[in-house]
Protein backbone atom coordinates (compact mmCIF):
# COMPACT_ATOMS: atom_id res chain seq x y z
CA UNK A 1 73.20 -27.42 161.47
CA UNK A 2 70.73 -28.44 158.82
CA UNK A 3 69.65 -32.10 158.30
CA UNK A 4 69.76 -33.74 155.07
CA UNK A 5 67.60 -36.27 154.01
CA UNK A 6 69.16 -39.29 152.17
CA UNK A 7 66.85 -38.10 149.09
CA UNK A 8 68.21 -35.09 149.46
CA UNK A 9 71.99 -36.16 149.39
CA UNK A 10 71.10 -38.32 146.77
CA UNK A 11 69.98 -35.26 144.54
CA UNK A 12 72.93 -33.48 145.61
CA UNK A 13 75.41 -36.04 144.51
CA UNK A 14 73.63 -36.75 141.20
CA UNK A 15 74.20 -33.11 141.06
CA UNK A 16 77.66 -32.84 141.25
CA UNK A 17 78.23 -34.91 138.08
CA UNK A 18 80.40 -37.66 139.24
CA UNK A 19 77.67 -40.51 138.04
CA UNK A 20 78.17 -39.37 134.34
CA UNK A 21 81.75 -40.63 133.81
CA UNK A 22 82.52 -44.05 132.62
CA UNK A 23 84.81 -45.20 135.47
CA UNK A 24 82.22 -44.22 138.31
CA UNK A 25 79.71 -46.66 136.05
CA UNK A 26 81.79 -49.35 135.55
CA UNK A 27 82.70 -49.26 139.25
CA UNK A 28 79.24 -49.46 140.47
CA UNK A 29 78.61 -52.21 138.03
CA UNK A 30 81.57 -54.06 139.67
CA UNK A 31 80.44 -53.00 143.52
CA UNK A 32 76.92 -54.27 142.67
CA UNK A 33 78.24 -57.90 141.24
CA UNK A 34 80.48 -58.03 144.18
CA UNK A 35 77.72 -57.64 146.51
CA UNK A 36 75.94 -60.44 144.93
CA UNK A 37 78.68 -62.89 144.98
CA UNK A 38 79.65 -61.82 148.68
CA UNK A 39 76.15 -62.23 149.72
CA UNK A 40 75.07 -65.51 147.96
CA UNK A 41 74.80 -67.68 151.06
CA UNK A 42 72.23 -65.24 152.50
CA UNK A 43 70.36 -64.78 149.01
CA UNK A 44 70.30 -68.73 148.92
CA UNK A 45 68.42 -69.02 152.20
CA UNK A 46 66.32 -66.07 151.50
CA UNK A 47 65.38 -67.56 148.30
CA UNK A 48 64.87 -71.00 149.67
CA UNK A 49 62.60 -69.90 152.87
CA UNK A 50 60.25 -67.54 150.43
CA UNK A 51 60.30 -70.19 147.39
CA UNK A 52 61.75 -73.43 148.44
CA UNK A 53 64.44 -72.48 145.67
CA UNK A 54 67.53 -74.97 146.12
CA UNK A 55 71.06 -73.12 145.36
CA UNK A 56 71.44 -74.62 142.09
CA UNK A 57 67.94 -72.84 140.98
CA UNK A 58 68.92 -69.80 142.63
CA UNK A 59 71.98 -69.54 140.26
CA UNK A 60 70.12 -70.64 137.18
CA UNK A 61 67.06 -68.82 137.29
CA UNK A 62 68.15 -65.57 140.00
CA UNK A 63 71.87 -64.51 140.56
CA UNK A 64 73.33 -66.02 137.57
CA UNK A 65 71.23 -64.01 135.26
CA UNK A 66 72.23 -60.85 137.12
CA UNK A 67 75.89 -61.36 136.80
CA UNK A 68 75.76 -62.44 133.78
CA UNK A 69 74.01 -59.32 132.65
CA UNK A 70 76.27 -57.24 134.64
CA UNK A 71 79.53 -58.52 132.98
CA UNK A 72 77.97 -57.88 129.77
CA UNK A 73 76.92 -54.16 130.60
CA UNK A 74 80.72 -53.81 131.89
CA UNK A 75 81.85 -55.53 128.22
CA UNK A 76 79.49 -53.24 126.33
CA UNK A 77 78.91 -49.67 128.60
CA UNK A 78 81.98 -47.94 126.80
CA UNK A 79 80.23 -48.55 123.36
CA UNK A 80 76.67 -47.44 124.64
CA UNK A 81 78.04 -44.41 126.37
CA UNK A 82 79.29 -42.85 122.80
CA UNK A 83 76.92 -40.30 121.40
CA UNK A 84 74.38 -41.47 118.68
CA UNK A 85 74.31 -39.16 115.99
CA UNK A 86 70.98 -38.93 114.63
CA UNK A 87 69.50 -37.04 111.82
CA UNK A 88 68.93 -33.05 112.25
CA UNK A 89 65.84 -31.79 111.36
CA UNK A 90 65.57 -29.04 108.42
CA UNK A 91 65.36 -26.06 110.39
CA UNK A 92 68.95 -26.91 112.32
CA UNK A 93 70.63 -27.85 109.21
CA UNK A 94 73.65 -27.40 108.42
CA UNK A 95 74.21 -28.73 112.25
CA UNK A 96 75.01 -31.75 113.49
CA UNK A 97 72.51 -33.81 115.96
CA UNK A 98 73.26 -36.29 118.52
CA UNK A 99 71.77 -38.54 121.54
CA UNK A 100 73.97 -38.59 125.07
CA UNK A 101 72.87 -41.41 126.81
CA UNK A 102 72.85 -39.82 130.63
CA UNK A 103 72.12 -41.29 134.12
CA UNK A 104 68.56 -40.26 135.18
CA UNK A 105 68.05 -37.77 137.95
CA UNK A 106 66.77 -38.24 141.31
CA UNK A 107 63.31 -37.46 141.37
CA UNK A 108 61.05 -36.38 144.46
């Protein structure tokens, strides 16, 4: 039985195409948000130990901003995923050109 490294497993998962769907991307953003909220006390403790930040400061300068950005991403993701029409160069007329925003692959 061959051993698959974590990086190889990530590459295989990416190549499966599962990361391209709206549902998958939304789910991942929501999971990250849930993890931050769930680990809030531990994050507060770590930031107090390292930087002497009180929980209120952590919320304003660290976790609160990230949670706000995650909400913004979930709200706008469908719009961001839509193909964007761009100008077609002369050599390819009369066709249409689009930019498709896709997840980045796993690099070695």
